[in-house]
Amino acid sequence: MVCYLWMVCHLWMVCHLWMVCHLWMVCHLWMVCHLWMVCYLQLG
């Protein structure tokens, strides 16, 4: 039982961390792309 709970907890943590990292990466990339586009349009 304890082993099972530990497994569930561990999997949830891994999933959660992966989700947070993934969302941060997507947001970061979107921000960079957006800024690049704004700069490009203003300079162009």
C-alpha atoms as a PDB file:
ATOM      1  CA  MET A   1       0.000   0.000   0.000  1.00  0.00           C
ATOM      2  CA  VAL A   2       2.743   2.439   0.950  1.00  0.00           C
ATOM      3  CA  CYS A   3       4.623   1.446  -2.186  1.00  0.00           C
ATOM      4  CA  TYR A   4       1.520   2.097  -4.279  1.00  0.00           C
ATOM      5  CA  LEU A   5       0.988   5.528  -2.725  1.00  0.00           C
ATOM      6  CA  TRP A   6       4.637   6.408  -3.260  1.00  0.00           C
ATOM      7  CA  MET A   7       4.356   5.398  -6.916  1.00  0.00           C
ATOM      8  CA  VAL A   8       1.232   7.512  -7.437  1.00  0.00           C
ATOM      9  CA  CYS A   9       2.814  10.466  -5.665  1.00  0.00           C
ATOM     10  CA  HIS A  10       6.000  10.116  -7.687  1.00  0.00           C
ATOM     11  CA  LEU A  11       4.150   9.875 -10.994  1.00  0.00           C
ATOM     12  CA  TRP A  12       2.007  12.891 -10.111  1.00  0.00           C
ATOM     13  CA  MET A  13       5.116  14.906  -9.226  1.00  0.00           C
ATOM     14  CA  VAL A  14       6.859  13.955 -12.455  1.00  0.00           C
ATOM     15  CA  CYS A  15       3.753  14.787 -14.500  1.00  0.00           C
ATOM     16  CA  HIS A  16       3.292  18.070 -12.680  1.00  0.00           C
ATOM     17  CA  LEU A  17       6.920  19.107 -13.147  1.00  0.00           C
ATOM     18  CA  TRP A  18       6.823  18.135 -16.802  1.00  0.00           C
ATOM     19  CA  MET A  19       3.636  20.149 -17.304  1.00  0.00           C
ATOM     20  CA  VAL A  20       5.085  23.222 -15.586  1.00  0.00           C
ATOM     21  CA  CYS A  21       8.316  22.970 -17.582  1.00  0.00           C
ATOM     22  CA  HIS A  22       6.402  22.452 -20.807  1.00  0.00           C
ATOM     23  CA  LEU A  23       4.083  25.402 -20.184  1.00  0.00           C
ATOM     24  CA  TRP A  24       7.030  27.617 -19.229  1.00  0.00           C
ATOM     25  CA  MET A  25       8.878  26.616 -22.389  1.00  0.00           C
ATOM     26  CA  VAL A  26       5.837  27.285 -24.584  1.00  0.00           C
ATOM     27  CA  CYS A  27       5.221  30.668 -22.929  1.00  0.00           C
ATOM     28  CA  HIS A  28       8.893  31.591 -23.217  1.00  0.00           C
ATOM     29  CA  LEU A  29       9.080  30.627 -26.889  1.00  0.00           C
ATOM     30  CA  TRP A  30       5.845  32.499 -27.613  1.00  0.00           C
ATOM     31  CA  MET A  31       7.187  35.604 -25.845  1.00  0.00           C
ATOM     32  CA  VAL A  32      10.463  35.477 -27.778  1.00  0.00           C
ATOM     33  CA  CYS A  33       8.632  34.996 -31.083  1.00  0.00           C
ATOM     34  CA  HIS A  34       6.215  37.797 -30.255  1.00  0.00           C
ATOM     35  CA  LEU A  35       9.001  40.227 -29.291  1.00  0.00           C
ATOM     36  CA  TRP A  36      10.966  39.308 -32.399  1.00  0.00           C
ATOM     37  CA  MET A  37       7.894  39.964 -34.561  1.00  0.00           C
ATOM     38  CA  VAL A  38       7.224  43.323 -32.884  1.00  0.00           C
ATOM     39  CA  CYS A  39      10.846  44.409 -33.315  1.00  0.00           C
ATOM     40  CA  TYR A  40      10.865  43.205 -36.915  1.00  0.00           C
ATOM     41  CA  LEU A  41       7.671  45.095 -37.740  1.00  0.00           C
ATOM     42  CA  GLN A  42       8.853  48.280 -36.026  1.00  0.00           C
ATOM     43  CA  LEU A  43      12.278  48.208 -37.702  1.00  0.00           C
ATOM     44  CA  GLY A  44      10.904  47.060 -41.062  1.00  0.00           C
END
